[in-house]
Structures are given as C-alpha cells and as structure tokens.
Amino acid sequence: MSGTEDLLVEPDRLAAELDRADPPTLLDVRWRLAGPPGREDYRAGHLPGAVFVDLDTELCGRPGAAGRHPLPDPAALQAALRAAGVRAGHPVVVYDGGDGMSAARAWWTLRWAGHRAVRVLHGGFPAWAAAGGPVSTDAPAPAPGDVTVSPGELPVLDAGKAARLAAADAGVLLDVRAAPRYRGETEPIDRVAGHVPGAVNLPAPEYVTEGRFPAAEALRERFAAAGVAEGAPVGAYCGSGVTAAQAVLALHLAGRPDAALYVGSWSNWVADPDRPVATG
C-alpha cells in the first residue's frame, strides 16, 4: 500500500525540503478547462524555482479521436520533462491552482512514464500561499534533466478494456463526472451525452474537496460504497482523463495502486458512433 507521504506533500514539509542542498524539482501545472492558459498564473507568481509545464501541449498528445487529452508521444514528453529539469530518480513535486486535477494528471503522467519519485502539493498553490510560502515571478533556467520516459508503468484502459470492465461481474468502472452528465441530461463539452454502459457514477466531490483528500480509511469507505471491492479490478474515466487521474490518485491513497485510467475517457468513447451510450 502506498503511503500518503509518497503521494502528497504538505506546504510546511515542502518548504523544509526546498531549503536542502538538492531540493525537489518543482513543476507548476496550473490549468483551466476553459482557459485562460495557466502560464498567465505562473507569470503572476509561483513557487520559487518552479518551472511551468503545460498540460495541454506538453503532458498530453494532440486532441482527436483518442480524446481531448490523450497520452503524449513518449519522445515529446521526455523532451519537455528534460527541458523542465527533471532528472532520473530525483524527486519531483507538481502543483496546480488548488483543485488538484491538473496536478493529479501530471502526477499520473510522470508515474506512467516510469518516474516514481513524484508527489502532489496538497492543496496546490493556494495552500502554499495560505501557509506563508514565498512566491516568485522569476522564471528559472534549470539545467537540462536526464529523465528517460519508459511508458506503461501505470495501467491504462482503452475503449475496449473500459467496456469489458464496466460489463464484468467482478470489477467496476467509475464515471467521476457530475451526475447530470452521467445521466445524459446535459453535456457541455462532448457531442454526445450519457455514460459507458455498466459504469458506476461517483462524482469527484464525493472523494475530494477543493483539491484535498480525506484520510485513507474514509477514501476506502467511499470507494467501497461505489462497488470497489478489494482485489477486484477498478478503473476510472471522466470527460478527457484529467478528473479521472485525480480519482486514480485517490485510489492509490486508498491502497489501490492497480487502479487503471481510461485516458481517452468520454471524449474518446463518443468519437466512435458505433459505441453504445447509456442514459439515466
């Protein structure tokens, strides 16, 4: 079981680590679904030494049939991470604007790419600022990193695997979007409303509050209530694989490091008009 300290870091502990001779590499991954780009927030103020990495263009591939935030090209991801100063085996801390979603997707992407020493700043930039942490507008020029991307270190679902998991007697596919989107009553982004047949709805606010996670036991209880059984397969999806990455992080915190991410999520599912859609 992964310990919380291996996945999340509180502002006070991070501040102490940043005072060391060889501090962790900081990645600012602030992002909003509808914009404006997080780089504007970064320029206005960020953790000292942090490098901005763009979720849309550097941590994900080009949007298309594979989804709005598909897996990145490994070579392109490696180049972006090296440019940000990520070193092989060296600790990385990622943070966002406080909702924990883009930081979780960055955490997941680095873990998927084979970099295990990565944590999320719990509460993101607002928590850092509230704790009195220093803020800088200087853009650092980090020495190039030497990280090697080895994709496939975390389990991934494609549409076929997601369908089989949702239909399985043992196992559960979690849809972590808001309930009206799951039920097909509204769809503000993708062209079709509804959900993967057999998927179980567990909206993100039921297991995370403003980017902060409850204790592991509370997480286990909430996932168990949604049908996540010990030892049975579990996966998660959302609209484009960002909120669902946060669900996978929550599942890791609950002791389920085997949790799979349907990266393409609903935006990939509805790209094929022959795939069935459930409502209600």
C-alpha atoms as a PDB file:
ATOM      1  CA  MET A   1       0.000   0.000   0.000  1.00  0.00           C
ATOM      2  CA  SER A   2       1.345   3.422  -0.955  1.00  0.00           C
ATOM      3  CA  GLY A   3       1.799   5.817   1.926  1.00  0.00           C
ATOM      4  CA  THR A   4       0.304   9.301   1.798  1.00  0.00           C
ATOM      5  CA  GLU A   5       3.800  10.737   2.203  1.00  0.00           C
ATOM      6  CA  ASP A   6       4.802   9.069  -1.067  1.00  0.00           C
ATOM      7  CA  LEU A   7       1.942  10.712  -2.967  1.00  0.00           C
ATOM      8  CA  LEU A   8       1.157  14.056  -1.307  1.00  0.00           C
ATOM      9  CA  VAL A   9       3.277  16.696   0.386  1.00  0.00           C
ATOM     10  CA  GLU A  10       2.009  19.444   2.673  1.00  0.00           C
ATOM     11  CA  PRO A  11       3.315  23.016   2.281  1.00  0.00           C
ATOM     12  CA  ASP A  12       5.344  23.022   5.501  1.00  0.00           C
ATOM     13  CA  ARG A  13       7.173  19.835   4.612  1.00  0.00           C
ATOM     14  CA  LEU A  14       7.830  21.039   1.072  1.00  0.00           C
ATOM     15  CA  ALA A  15       9.228  24.307   2.427  1.00  0.00           C
ATOM     16  CA  ALA A  16      11.704  22.343   4.534  1.00  0.00           C
ATOM     17  CA  GLU A  17      12.699  20.195   1.557  1.00  0.00           C
ATOM     18  CA  LEU A  18      13.262  23.264  -0.610  1.00  0.00           C
ATOM     19  CA  ASP A  19      15.828  24.513   1.926  1.00  0.00           C
ATOM     20  CA  ARG A  20      18.011  21.463   1.330  1.00  0.00           C
ATOM     21  CA  ALA A  21      21.103  21.458  -0.834  1.00  0.00           C
ATOM     22  CA  ASP A  22      19.404  19.387  -3.542  1.00  0.00           C
ATOM     23  CA  PRO A  23      15.699  20.230  -3.380  1.00  0.00           C
ATOM     24  CA  PRO A  24      12.962  18.501  -5.366  1.00  0.00           C
ATOM     25  CA  THR A  25      12.201  19.684  -8.874  1.00  0.00           C
ATOM     26  CA  LEU A  26       9.051  21.827  -8.902  1.00  0.00           C
ATOM     27  CA  LEU A  27       6.603  21.746 -11.799  1.00  0.00           C
ATOM     28  CA  ASP A  28       3.802  24.307 -11.996  1.00  0.00           C
ATOM     29  CA  VAL A  29       0.989  22.695 -14.000  1.00  0.00           C
ATOM     30  CA  ARG A  30      -1.845  25.158 -13.376  1.00  0.00           C
ATOM     31  CA  TRP A  31      -4.627  24.718 -15.916  1.00  0.00           C
ATOM     32  CA  ARG A  32      -8.279  25.528 -16.557  1.00  0.00           C
ATOM     33  CA  LEU A  33     -10.518  23.551 -18.862  1.00  0.00           C
ATOM     34  CA  ALA A  34     -11.964  26.690 -20.443  1.00  0.00           C
ATOM     35  CA  GLY A  35      -8.801  28.803 -20.140  1.00  0.00           C
ATOM     36  CA  PRO A  36      -7.053  31.133 -19.949  1.00  0.00           C
ATOM     37  CA  PRO A  37      -3.764  29.202 -20.039  1.00  0.00           C
ATOM     38  CA  GLY A  38      -2.136  28.536 -16.692  1.00  0.00           C
ATOM     39  CA  ARG A  39       1.038  30.243 -17.847  1.00  0.00           C
ATOM     40  CA  GLU A  40      -0.607  33.570 -17.028  1.00  0.00           C
ATOM     41  CA  ASP A  41      -0.993  32.493 -13.394  1.00  0.00           C
ATOM     42  CA  TYR A  42       2.603  31.284 -13.383  1.00  0.00           C
ATOM     43  CA  ARG A  43       3.886  34.650 -14.573  1.00  0.00           C
ATOM     44  CA  ALA A  44       1.886  36.420 -11.878  1.00  0.00           C
ATOM     45  CA  GLY A  45       3.581  34.376  -9.153  1.00  0.00           C
ATOM     46  CA  HIS A  46       4.796  30.838  -8.494  1.00  0.00           C
ATOM     47  CA  LEU A  47       6.818  28.780  -6.043  1.00  0.00           C
ATOM     48  CA  PRO A  48      10.474  29.837  -6.233  1.00  0.00           C
ATOM     49  CA  GLY A  49      12.336  27.648  -8.690  1.00  0.00           C
ATOM     50  CA  ALA A  50       9.207  26.146 -10.230  1.00  0.00           C
ATOM     51  CA  VAL A  51       9.094  25.572 -13.985  1.00  0.00           C
ATOM     52  CA  PHE A  52       5.813  25.836 -15.865  1.00  0.00           C
ATOM     53  CA  VAL A  53       4.758  22.768 -17.846  1.00  0.00           C
ATOM     54  CA  ASP A  54       1.627  22.984 -19.994  1.00  0.00           C
ATOM     55  CA  LEU A  55      -0.907  20.199 -19.546  1.00  0.00           C
ATOM     56  CA  ASP A  56      -2.495  20.602 -22.966  1.00  0.00           C
ATOM     57  CA  THR A  57       0.633  20.800 -25.124  1.00  0.00           C
ATOM     58  CA  GLU A  58       3.414  19.107 -23.138  1.00  0.00           C
ATOM     59  CA  LEU A  59       1.829  16.498 -20.860  1.00  0.00           C
ATOM     60  CA  CYS A  60      -0.814  15.312 -23.348  1.00  0.00           C
ATOM     61  CA  GLY A  61      -0.985  14.494 -27.022  1.00  0.00           C
ATOM     62  CA  ARG A  62      -2.953  16.354 -29.658  1.00  0.00           C
ATOM     63  CA  PRO A  63      -6.723  16.175 -29.226  1.00  0.00           C
ATOM     64  CA  GLY A  64      -8.598  13.995 -31.678  1.00  0.00           C
ATOM     65  CA  ALA A  65     -10.278  10.624 -31.895  1.00  0.00           C
ATOM     66  CA  ALA A  66      -8.127   9.383 -28.998  1.00  0.00           C
ATOM     67  CA  GLY A  67      -9.706  12.047 -26.775  1.00  0.00           C
ATOM     68  CA  ARG A  68      -9.255  15.644 -25.734  1.00  0.00           C
ATOM     69  CA  HIS A  69      -6.241  14.799 -23.540  1.00  0.00           C
ATOM     70  CA  PRO A  70      -4.716  11.631 -24.982  1.00  0.00           C
ATOM     71  CA  LEU A  71      -1.433  10.053 -23.997  1.00  0.00           C
ATOM     72  CA  PRO A  72       1.593  12.113 -25.007  1.00  0.00           C
ATOM     73  CA  ASP A  73       4.176  10.968 -27.506  1.00  0.00           C
ATOM     74  CA  PRO A  74       6.923   9.491 -25.283  1.00  0.00           C
ATOM     75  CA  ALA A  75       9.740  11.299 -27.084  1.00  0.00           C
ATOM     76  CA  ALA A  76       7.932  14.649 -26.876  1.00  0.00           C
ATOM     77  CA  LEU A  77       7.147  14.104 -23.195  1.00  0.00           C
ATOM     78  CA  GLN A  78      10.763  13.195 -22.477  1.00  0.00           C
ATOM     79  CA  ALA A  79      11.954  16.372 -24.199  1.00  0.00           C
ATOM     80  CA  ALA A  80       9.507  18.516 -22.214  1.00  0.00           C
ATOM     81  CA  LEU A  81      10.452  16.937 -18.889  1.00  0.00           C
ATOM     82  CA  ARG A  82      14.167  17.257 -19.575  1.00  0.00           C
ATOM     83  CA  ALA A  83      13.696  20.909 -20.522  1.00  0.00           C
ATOM     84  CA  ALA A  84      11.963  21.392 -17.156  1.00  0.00           C
ATOM     85  CA  GLY A  85      14.971  19.907 -15.371  1.00  0.00           C
ATOM     86  CA  VAL A  86      13.501  16.529 -14.409  1.00  0.00           C
ATOM     87  CA  ARG A  87      16.302  14.135 -13.510  1.00  0.00           C
ATOM     88  CA  ALA A  88      16.231  10.365 -13.366  1.00  0.00           C
ATOM     89  CA  GLY A  89      15.287   9.229  -9.846  1.00  0.00           C
ATOM     90  CA  HIS A  90      15.230  12.765  -8.464  1.00  0.00           C
ATOM     91  CA  PRO A  91      12.094  13.850  -6.557  1.00  0.00           C
ATOM     92  CA  VAL A  92       9.507  15.937  -8.369  1.00  0.00           C
ATOM     93  CA  VAL A  93       6.634  17.907  -6.817  1.00  0.00           C
ATOM     94  CA  VAL A  94       3.776  19.050  -9.036  1.00  0.00           C
ATOM     95  CA  TYR A  95       1.167  21.644  -8.111  1.00  0.00           C
ATOM     96  CA  ASP A  96      -1.822  23.377  -9.649  1.00  0.00           C
ATOM     97  CA  GLY A  97      -4.319  26.104  -8.818  1.00  0.00           C
ATOM     98  CA  GLY A  98      -5.844  24.187  -5.923  1.00  0.00           C
ATOM     99  CA  ASP A  99      -8.474  21.866  -7.374  1.00  0.00           C
ATOM    100  CA  GLY A 100      -5.891  19.090  -7.652  1.00  0.00           C
ATOM    101  CA  MET A 101      -6.947  17.928 -11.112  1.00  0.00           C
ATOM    102  CA  SER A 102      -4.125  19.001 -13.413  1.00  0.00           C
ATOM    103  CA  ALA A 103      -1.577  18.179 -10.701  1.00  0.00           C
ATOM    104  CA  ALA A 104      -3.044  14.685 -10.461  1.00  0.00           C
ATOM    105  CA  ARG A 105      -2.854  14.252 -14.237  1.00  0.00           C
ATOM    106  CA  ALA A 106       0.779  15.433 -14.146  1.00  0.00           C
ATOM    107  CA  TRP A 107       1.485  13.012 -11.279  1.00  0.00           C
ATOM    108  CA  TRP A 108      -0.159  10.210 -13.221  1.00  0.00           C
ATOM    109  CA  THR A 109       1.711  11.035 -16.429  1.00  0.00           C
ATOM    110  CA  LEU A 110       5.106  11.021 -14.738  1.00  0.00           C
ATOM    111  CA  ARG A 111       4.292   7.760 -12.976  1.00  0.00           C
ATOM    112  CA  TRP A 112       3.025   6.233 -16.236  1.00  0.00           C
ATOM    113  CA  ALA A 113       6.279   7.378 -17.836  1.00  0.00           C
ATOM    114  CA  GLY A 114       8.329   5.498 -15.248  1.00  0.00           C
ATOM    115  CA  HIS A 115       9.264   8.329 -12.878  1.00  0.00           C
ATOM    116  CA  ARG A 116       8.160   7.080  -9.479  1.00  0.00           C
ATOM    117  CA  ALA A 117       9.516   9.895  -7.264  1.00  0.00           C
ATOM    118  CA  VAL A 118       6.682  12.353  -7.830  1.00  0.00           C
ATOM    119  CA  ARG A 119       4.249  13.896  -5.343  1.00  0.00           C
ATOM    120  CA  VAL A 120       1.394  16.385  -5.471  1.00  0.00           C
ATOM    121  CA  LEU A 121       1.464  19.532  -3.336  1.00  0.00           C
ATOM    122  CA  HIS A 122      -1.683  19.009  -1.272  1.00  0.00           C
ATOM    123  CA  GLY A 123      -3.955  21.989  -1.819  1.00  0.00           C
ATOM    124  CA  GLY A 124      -1.807  23.401  -4.594  1.00  0.00           C
ATOM    125  CA  PHE A 125      -0.668  26.980  -4.917  1.00  0.00           C
ATOM    126  CA  PRO A 126      -3.427  28.391  -2.656  1.00  0.00           C
ATOM    127  CA  ALA A 127      -2.313  26.146   0.204  1.00  0.00           C
ATOM    128  CA  TRP A 128       1.280  27.257  -0.284  1.00  0.00           C
ATOM    129  CA  ALA A 129       0.299  30.925  -0.263  1.00  0.00           C
ATOM    130  CA  ALA A 130      -2.003  30.479   2.749  1.00  0.00           C
ATOM    131  CA  ALA A 131       0.872  28.898   4.671  1.00  0.00           C
ATOM    132  CA  GLY A 132       3.016  31.964   4.015  1.00  0.00           C
ATOM    133  CA  GLY A 133       5.284  30.292   1.483  1.00  0.00           C
ATOM    134  CA  PRO A 134       7.417  32.608  -0.646  1.00  0.00           C
ATOM    135  CA  VAL A 135       6.234  33.485  -4.149  1.00  0.00           C
ATOM    136  CA  SER A 136       8.424  34.495  -7.067  1.00  0.00           C
ATOM    137  CA  THR A 137       7.937  35.976 -10.524  1.00  0.00           C
ATOM    138  CA  ASP A 138      11.422  34.985 -11.687  1.00  0.00           C
ATOM    139  CA  ALA A 139      11.496  32.366 -14.433  1.00  0.00           C
ATOM    140  CA  PRO A 140      14.299  29.894 -13.640  1.00  0.00           C
ATOM    141  CA  ALA A 141      16.553  28.380 -16.271  1.00  0.00           C
ATOM    142  CA  PRO A 142      17.028  24.829 -14.980  1.00  0.00           C
ATOM    143  CA  ALA A 143      19.902  22.647 -16.045  1.00  0.00           C
ATOM    144  CA  PRO A 144      18.598  20.095 -18.559  1.00  0.00           C
ATOM    145  CA  GLY A 145      17.396  16.906 -16.950  1.00  0.00           C
ATOM    146  CA  ASP A 146      18.245  13.363 -17.934  1.00  0.00           C
ATOM    147  CA  VAL A 147      14.970  11.555 -17.237  1.00  0.00           C
ATOM    148  CA  THR A 148      14.154   8.681 -19.570  1.00  0.00           C
ATOM    149  CA  VAL A 149      10.498   8.108 -20.365  1.00  0.00           C
ATOM    150  CA  SER A 150       9.504   4.451 -20.154  1.00  0.00           C
ATOM    151  CA  PRO A 151       5.756   4.413 -20.861  1.00  0.00           C
ATOM    152  CA  GLY A 152       3.396   1.856 -19.422  1.00  0.00           C
ATOM    153  CA  GLU A 153       4.315   1.918 -15.743  1.00  0.00           C
ATOM    154  CA  LEU A 154       0.686   2.528 -14.718  1.00  0.00           C
ATOM    155  CA  PRO A 155      -2.307   0.587 -16.076  1.00  0.00           C
ATOM    156  CA  VAL A 156      -4.279   2.185 -18.898  1.00  0.00           C
ATOM    157  CA  LEU A 157      -7.699   1.381 -20.310  1.00  0.00           C
ATOM    158  CA  ASP A 158      -8.699   1.827 -23.921  1.00  0.00           C
ATOM    159  CA  ALA A 159     -12.342   1.787 -25.023  1.00  0.00           C
ATOM    160  CA  GLY A 160     -12.448  -1.998 -25.348  1.00  0.00           C
ATOM    161  CA  LYS A 161     -10.953  -2.634 -21.929  1.00  0.00           C
ATOM    162  CA  ALA A 162     -13.222   0.001 -20.380  1.00  0.00           C
ATOM    163  CA  ALA A 163     -16.279  -1.694 -21.876  1.00  0.00           C
ATOM    164  CA  ARG A 164     -15.228  -5.105 -20.593  1.00  0.00           C
ATOM    165  CA  LEU A 165     -14.530  -3.754 -17.111  1.00  0.00           C
ATOM    166  CA  ALA A 166     -17.897  -1.986 -16.986  1.00  0.00           C
ATOM    167  CA  ALA A 167     -19.665  -5.196 -18.023  1.00  0.00           C
ATOM    168  CA  ALA A 168     -17.719  -7.513 -15.717  1.00  0.00           C
ATOM    169  CA  ASP A 169     -19.385  -9.197 -12.744  1.00  0.00           C
ATOM    170  CA  ALA A 170     -16.232  -8.552 -10.719  1.00  0.00           C
ATOM    171  CA  GLY A 171     -14.764  -5.097 -11.004  1.00  0.00           C
ATOM    172  CA  VAL A 172     -16.067  -1.583 -11.533  1.00  0.00           C
ATOM    173  CA  LEU A 173     -15.579   1.261 -13.975  1.00  0.00           C
ATOM    174  CA  LEU A 174     -16.088   4.591 -12.191  1.00  0.00           C
ATOM    175  CA  ASP A 175     -17.501   7.587 -14.037  1.00  0.00           C
ATOM    176  CA  VAL A 176     -16.405  10.552 -11.928  1.00  0.00           C
ATOM    177  CA  ARG A 177     -18.240  13.277 -13.822  1.00  0.00           C
ATOM    178  CA  ALA A 178     -21.142  15.220 -12.343  1.00  0.00           C
ATOM    179  CA  ALA A 179     -24.335  13.178 -12.086  1.00  0.00           C
ATOM    180  CA  PRO A 180     -26.304  15.125 -14.751  1.00  0.00           C
ATOM    181  CA  ARG A 181     -23.586  14.399 -17.309  1.00  0.00           C
ATOM    182  CA  TYR A 182     -23.516  10.732 -16.329  1.00  0.00           C
ATOM    183  CA  ARG A 183     -27.293  10.504 -16.665  1.00  0.00           C
ATOM    184  CA  GLY A 184     -27.179  12.160 -20.064  1.00  0.00           C
ATOM    185  CA  GLU A 185     -29.250  15.163 -19.026  1.00  0.00           C
ATOM    186  CA  THR A 186     -26.583  17.621 -20.142  1.00  0.00           C
ATOM    187  CA  GLU A 187     -23.232  17.559 -21.911  1.00  0.00           C
ATOM    188  CA  PRO A 188     -21.430  20.908 -22.078  1.00  0.00           C
ATOM    189  CA  ILE A 189     -18.305  19.706 -23.879  1.00  0.00           C
ATOM    190  CA  ASP A 190     -18.596  16.461 -25.823  1.00  0.00           C
ATOM    191  CA  ARG A 191     -21.005  15.826 -28.692  1.00  0.00           C
ATOM    192  CA  VAL A 192     -22.991  13.006 -27.055  1.00  0.00           C
ATOM    193  CA  ALA A 193     -24.445  12.844 -23.526  1.00  0.00           C
ATOM    194  CA  GLY A 194     -24.587   9.731 -21.359  1.00  0.00           C
ATOM    195  CA  HIS A 195     -22.153   7.167 -19.993  1.00  0.00           C
ATOM    196  CA  VAL A 196     -20.398   3.895 -20.746  1.00  0.00           C
ATOM    197  CA  PRO A 197     -22.965   1.124 -20.221  1.00  0.00           C
ATOM    198  CA  GLY A 198     -22.371  -0.522 -16.851  1.00  0.00           C
ATOM    199  CA  ALA A 199     -20.224   2.293 -15.438  1.00  0.00           C
ATOM    200  CA  VAL A 200     -20.946   3.470 -11.886  1.00  0.00           C
ATOM    201  CA  ASN A 201     -21.226   7.181 -11.131  1.00  0.00           C
ATOM    202  CA  LEU A 202     -19.047   8.550  -8.323  1.00  0.00           C
ATOM    203  CA  PRO A 203     -18.752  12.336  -8.787  1.00  0.00           C
ATOM    204  CA  ALA A 204     -15.378  13.711  -7.792  1.00  0.00           C
ATOM    205  CA  PRO A 205     -16.690  15.870  -4.895  1.00  0.00           C
ATOM    206  CA  GLU A 206     -17.627  12.661  -3.100  1.00  0.00           C
ATOM    207  CA  TYR A 207     -13.960  11.748  -2.554  1.00  0.00           C
ATOM    208  CA  VAL A 208     -12.074  15.056  -2.792  1.00  0.00           C
ATOM    209  CA  THR A 209     -12.951  18.544  -1.518  1.00  0.00           C
ATOM    210  CA  GLU A 210     -11.339  21.547  -3.203  1.00  0.00           C
ATOM    211  CA  GLY A 211      -8.268  19.552  -4.073  1.00  0.00           C
ATOM    212  CA  ARG A 212      -7.828  17.990  -0.632  1.00  0.00           C
ATOM    213  CA  PHE A 213      -8.293  14.314   0.113  1.00  0.00           C
ATOM    214  CA  PRO A 214      -9.720  12.766   3.286  1.00  0.00           C
ATOM    215  CA  ALA A 215      -7.892  10.066   5.230  1.00  0.00           C
ATOM    216  CA  ALA A 216      -7.227   6.730   3.564  1.00  0.00           C
ATOM    217  CA  GLU A 217      -9.896   4.899   5.542  1.00  0.00           C
ATOM    218  CA  ALA A 218     -12.552   7.417   4.518  1.00  0.00           C
ATOM    219  CA  LEU A 219     -11.487   7.008   0.896  1.00  0.00           C
ATOM    220  CA  ARG A 220     -11.722   3.233   1.158  1.00  0.00           C
ATOM    221  CA  GLU A 221     -15.241   3.523   2.572  1.00  0.00           C
ATOM    222  CA  ARG A 222     -16.377   5.863  -0.199  1.00  0.00           C
ATOM    223  CA  PHE A 223     -14.970   3.697  -2.958  1.00  0.00           C
ATOM    224  CA  ALA A 224     -16.377   0.545  -1.352  1.00  0.00           C
ATOM    225  CA  ALA A 225     -19.822   2.150  -1.284  1.00  0.00           C
ATOM    226  CA  ALA A 226     -19.478   2.675  -5.050  1.00  0.00           C
ATOM    227  CA  GLY A 227     -18.755  -1.021  -5.542  1.00  0.00           C
ATOM    228  CA  VAL A 228     -14.955  -1.041  -5.468  1.00  0.00           C
ATOM    229  CA  ALA A 229     -14.199  -4.434  -3.933  1.00  0.00           C
ATOM    230  CA  GLU A 230     -10.838  -5.425  -2.524  1.00  0.00           C
ATOM    231  CA  GLY A 231      -8.844  -7.305  -5.126  1.00  0.00           C
ATOM    232  CA  ALA A 232     -11.356  -6.725  -7.939  1.00  0.00           C
ATOM    233  CA  PRO A 233     -10.327  -4.596 -10.952  1.00  0.00           C
ATOM    234  CA  VAL A 234     -11.144  -0.901 -10.871  1.00  0.00           C
ATOM    235  CA  GLY A 235     -10.795   1.856 -13.428  1.00  0.00           C
ATOM    236  CA  ALA A 236     -11.920   5.452 -13.803  1.00  0.00           C
ATOM    237  CA  TYR A 237     -12.913   7.846 -16.544  1.00  0.00           C
ATOM    238  CA  CYS A 238     -14.286  11.374 -16.873  1.00  0.00           C
ATOM    239  CA  GLY A 239     -14.593  13.703 -19.844  1.00  0.00           C
ATOM    240  CA  SER A 240     -10.987  13.665 -21.004  1.00  0.00           C
ATOM    241  CA  GLY A 241      -8.887  11.853 -18.412  1.00  0.00           C
ATOM    242  CA  VAL A 242      -7.968  14.745 -16.104  1.00  0.00           C
ATOM    243  CA  THR A 243     -10.514  14.459 -13.290  1.00  0.00           C
ATOM    244  CA  ALA A 244     -10.241  10.673 -13.602  1.00  0.00           C
ATOM    245  CA  ALA A 245      -6.488  10.901 -12.981  1.00  0.00           C
ATOM    246  CA  GLN A 246      -7.381  12.541  -9.671  1.00  0.00           C
ATOM    247  CA  ALA A 247      -9.648   9.562  -8.960  1.00  0.00           C
ATOM    248  CA  VAL A 248      -6.729   7.223  -9.644  1.00  0.00           C
ATOM    249  CA  LEU A 249      -4.603   9.239  -7.223  1.00  0.00           C
ATOM    250  CA  ALA A 250      -7.369   8.901  -4.628  1.00  0.00           C
ATOM    251  CA  LEU A 251      -7.476   5.161  -5.249  1.00  0.00           C
ATOM    252  CA  HIS A 252      -3.708   4.978  -4.730  1.00  0.00           C
ATOM    253  CA  LEU A 253      -4.202   6.810  -1.436  1.00  0.00           C
ATOM    254  CA  ALA A 254      -6.850   4.231  -0.560  1.00  0.00           C
ATOM    255  CA  GLY A 255      -4.393   1.413  -1.204  1.00  0.00           C
ATOM    256  CA  ARG A 256      -5.295   0.572  -4.809  1.00  0.00           C
ATOM    257  CA  PRO A 257      -2.144   1.217  -6.893  1.00  0.00           C
ATOM    258  CA  ASP A 258      -3.566  -1.127  -9.541  1.00  0.00           C
ATOM    259  CA  ALA A 259      -6.333   1.339 -10.460  1.00  0.00           C
ATOM    260  CA  ALA A 260      -6.460   1.952 -14.204  1.00  0.00           C
ATOM    261  CA  LEU A 261      -7.100   5.209 -16.047  1.00  0.00           C
ATOM    262  CA  TYR A 262      -9.231   5.363 -19.181  1.00  0.00           C
ATOM    263  CA  VAL A 263      -7.128   8.161 -20.618  1.00  0.00           C
ATOM    264  CA  GLY A 264      -9.357   8.938 -23.584  1.00  0.00           C
ATOM    265  CA  SER A 265     -12.427   8.854 -21.343  1.00  0.00           C
ATOM    266  CA  TRP A 266     -15.813  10.018 -22.640  1.00  0.00           C
ATOM    267  CA  SER A 267     -14.284  12.185 -25.382  1.00  0.00           C
ATOM    268  CA  ASN A 268     -12.724   9.045 -26.852  1.00  0.00           C
ATOM    269  CA  TRP A 269     -15.757   6.825 -26.240  1.00  0.00           C
ATOM    270  CA  VAL A 270     -18.119   9.037 -28.261  1.00  0.00           C
ATOM    271  CA  ALA A 271     -15.615   9.509 -31.093  1.00  0.00           C
ATOM    272  CA  ASP A 272     -16.902   6.175 -32.460  1.00  0.00           C
ATOM    273  CA  PRO A 273     -20.634   6.440 -33.193  1.00  0.00           C
ATOM    274  CA  ASP A 274     -20.954   2.648 -33.033  1.00  0.00           C
ATOM    275  CA  ARG A 275     -20.135   2.526 -29.323  1.00  0.00           C
ATOM    276  CA  PRO A 276     -23.223   2.168 -27.145  1.00  0.00           C
ATOM    277  CA  VAL A 277     -24.312   5.016 -24.871  1.00  0.00           C
ATOM    278  CA  ALA A 278     -26.354   4.587 -21.699  1.00  0.00           C
ATOM    279  CA  THR A 279     -28.501   7.261 -20.058  1.00  0.00           C
ATOM    280  CA  GLY A 280     -30.453   7.549 -16.856  1.00  0.00           C
END
